[in-house]
Amino acid sequence: MEEFKDSDTWMREYRGVTIRTTDGSTFAGKINLGHNKRISDLFKTPCEQFVVLVDVVFRDSPERVVMINKNHIVWVEPGD
């Protein structure tokens, strides 16, 4: 069984993004860069198939957590 890591060992650095998916949905939220320097670095690594957005605004439901399959992303726009 894999040992659970303490949450303090995970690097947290959130950046605002807007993501459009192949079905035309648009998600605005924050993505954790972790140890990456740029948002684009998250999409270059094939080991993770999903990106996780927090504080997502989607269909009038604020502050949701959404996991999006990278294969269904059309574009990503960095925010503030």
C-alpha atoms as a PDB file:
ATOM      1  CA  MET A   1       0.000   0.000   0.000  1.00  0.00           C
ATOM      2  CA  GLU A   2       1.281   3.470  -0.912  1.00  0.00           C
ATOM      3  CA  GLU A   3       2.215   5.722   1.977  1.00  0.00           C
ATOM      4  CA  PHE A   4       0.205   8.957   2.312  1.00  0.00           C
ATOM      5  CA  LYS A   5       2.319  12.092   2.012  1.00  0.00           C
ATOM      6  CA  ASP A   6       1.780  15.035   4.311  1.00  0.00           C
ATOM      7  CA  SER A   7      -0.081  17.874   2.557  1.00  0.00           C
ATOM      8  CA  ASP A   8       2.724  20.297   3.506  1.00  0.00           C
ATOM      9  CA  THR A   9       5.111  18.478   1.134  1.00  0.00           C
ATOM     10  CA  TRP A  10       3.019  19.415  -1.896  1.00  0.00           C
ATOM     11  CA  MET A  11       3.897  22.715  -3.478  1.00  0.00           C
ATOM     12  CA  ARG A  12       0.893  24.958  -4.054  1.00  0.00           C
ATOM     13  CA  GLU A  13       1.034  27.806  -6.531  1.00  0.00           C
ATOM     14  CA  TYR A  14      -2.302  28.621  -8.141  1.00  0.00           C
ATOM     15  CA  ARG A  15      -2.803  30.567 -11.359  1.00  0.00           C
ATOM     16  CA  GLY A  16      -6.033  31.693 -12.952  1.00  0.00           C
ATOM     17  CA  VAL A  17      -7.014  30.031 -16.251  1.00  0.00           C
ATOM     18  CA  THR A  18      -9.913  29.743 -18.645  1.00  0.00           C
ATOM     19  CA  ILE A  19     -10.304  26.410 -20.456  1.00  0.00           C
ATOM     20  CA  ARG A  20     -12.515  25.619 -23.475  1.00  0.00           C
ATOM     21  CA  THR A  21     -13.403  21.980 -24.128  1.00  0.00           C
ATOM     22  CA  THR A  22     -14.403  20.177 -27.321  1.00  0.00           C
ATOM     23  CA  ASP A  23     -18.107  20.298 -26.402  1.00  0.00           C
ATOM     24  CA  GLY A  24     -17.950  24.121 -26.240  1.00  0.00           C
ATOM     25  CA  SER A  25     -17.959  24.397 -22.436  1.00  0.00           C
ATOM     26  CA  THR A  26     -15.818  27.121 -20.875  1.00  0.00           C
ATOM     27  CA  PHE A  27     -14.382  26.783 -17.376  1.00  0.00           C
ATOM     28  CA  ALA A  28     -12.790  29.644 -15.433  1.00  0.00           C
ATOM     29  CA  GLY A  29     -10.841  28.737 -12.324  1.00  0.00           C
ATOM     30  CA  LYS A  30      -7.429  28.187 -10.803  1.00  0.00           C
ATOM     31  CA  ILE A  31      -4.894  25.520 -11.617  1.00  0.00           C
ATOM     32  CA  ASN A  32      -2.041  24.440  -9.339  1.00  0.00           C
ATOM     33  CA  LEU A  33       1.349  24.794 -11.020  1.00  0.00           C
ATOM     34  CA  GLY A  34       3.093  22.812  -8.299  1.00  0.00           C
ATOM     35  CA  HIS A  35       6.755  22.570  -9.278  1.00  0.00           C
ATOM     36  CA  ASN A  36       6.121  23.755 -12.851  1.00  0.00           C
ATOM     37  CA  LYS A  37       7.142  27.237 -13.886  1.00  0.00           C
ATOM     38  CA  ARG A  38       4.477  27.774 -16.556  1.00  0.00           C
ATOM     39  CA  ILE A  39       0.908  26.674 -17.215  1.00  0.00           C
ATOM     40  CA  SER A  40       2.007  25.146 -20.529  1.00  0.00           C
ATOM     41  CA  ASP A  41       4.338  22.775 -18.628  1.00  0.00           C
ATOM     42  CA  LEU A  42       1.260  21.041 -17.172  1.00  0.00           C
ATOM     43  CA  PHE A  43       0.065  20.145 -20.651  1.00  0.00           C
ATOM     44  CA  LYS A  44       3.432  18.905 -21.930  1.00  0.00           C
ATOM     45  CA  THR A  45       3.711  16.065 -19.408  1.00  0.00           C
ATOM     46  CA  PRO A  46       1.865  12.975 -20.638  1.00  0.00           C
ATOM     47  CA  CYS A  47       1.925  11.193 -17.251  1.00  0.00           C
ATOM     48  CA  GLU A  48      -1.188  12.987 -15.988  1.00  0.00           C
ATOM     49  CA  GLN A  49      -4.260  12.604 -18.204  1.00  0.00           C
ATOM     50  CA  PHE A  50      -6.391  15.101 -16.267  1.00  0.00           C
ATOM     51  CA  VAL A  51      -5.951  18.679 -15.091  1.00  0.00           C
ATOM     52  CA  VAL A  52      -7.647  19.778 -11.875  1.00  0.00           C
ATOM     53  CA  LEU A  53      -9.247  23.204 -11.567  1.00  0.00           C
ATOM     54  CA  VAL A  54     -10.387  24.687  -8.260  1.00  0.00           C
ATOM     55  CA  ASP A  55     -12.677  27.644  -7.543  1.00  0.00           C
ATOM     56  CA  VAL A  56     -14.325  26.979 -10.901  1.00  0.00           C
ATOM     57  CA  VAL A  57     -17.133  29.145 -12.190  1.00  0.00           C
ATOM     58  CA  PHE A  58     -19.330  27.030 -14.461  1.00  0.00           C
ATOM     59  CA  ARG A  59     -23.062  27.220 -15.137  1.00  0.00           C
ATOM     60  CA  ASP A  60     -23.788  29.571 -12.230  1.00  0.00           C
ATOM     61  CA  SER A  61     -22.188  27.229  -9.674  1.00  0.00           C
ATOM     62  CA  PRO A  62     -19.167  28.981  -8.158  1.00  0.00           C
ATOM     63  CA  GLU A  63     -16.319  27.370  -6.243  1.00  0.00           C
ATOM     64  CA  ARG A  64     -16.455  23.899  -7.701  1.00  0.00           C
ATOM     65  CA  VAL A  65     -13.582  21.474  -8.309  1.00  0.00           C
ATOM     66  CA  VAL A  66     -13.454  20.087 -11.854  1.00  0.00           C
ATOM     67  CA  MET A  67     -11.164  17.490 -13.439  1.00  0.00           C
ATOM     68  CA  ILE A  68     -10.827  17.807 -17.206  1.00  0.00           C
ATOM     69  CA  ASN A  69      -9.385  15.217 -19.572  1.00  0.00           C
ATOM     70  CA  LYS A  70      -6.518  16.798 -21.546  1.00  0.00           C
ATOM     71  CA  ASN A  71      -7.757  15.101 -24.734  1.00  0.00           C
ATOM     72  CA  HIS A  72     -10.900  17.249 -24.623  1.00  0.00           C
ATOM     73  CA  ILE A  73      -9.237  20.645 -24.227  1.00  0.00           C
ATOM     74  CA  VAL A  74      -9.348  22.962 -27.238  1.00  0.00           C
ATOM     75  CA  TRP A  75      -7.528  25.935 -25.691  1.00  0.00           C
ATOM     76  CA  VAL A  76      -6.273  27.330 -22.393  1.00  0.00           C
ATOM     77  CA  GLU A  77      -5.984  31.034 -21.641  1.00  0.00           C
ATOM     78  CA  PRO A  78      -3.888  32.172 -18.660  1.00  0.00           C
ATOM     79  CA  GLY A  79      -5.617  34.615 -16.352  1.00  0.00           C
ATOM     80  CA  ASP A  80      -4.411  37.170 -13.856  1.00  0.00           C
END
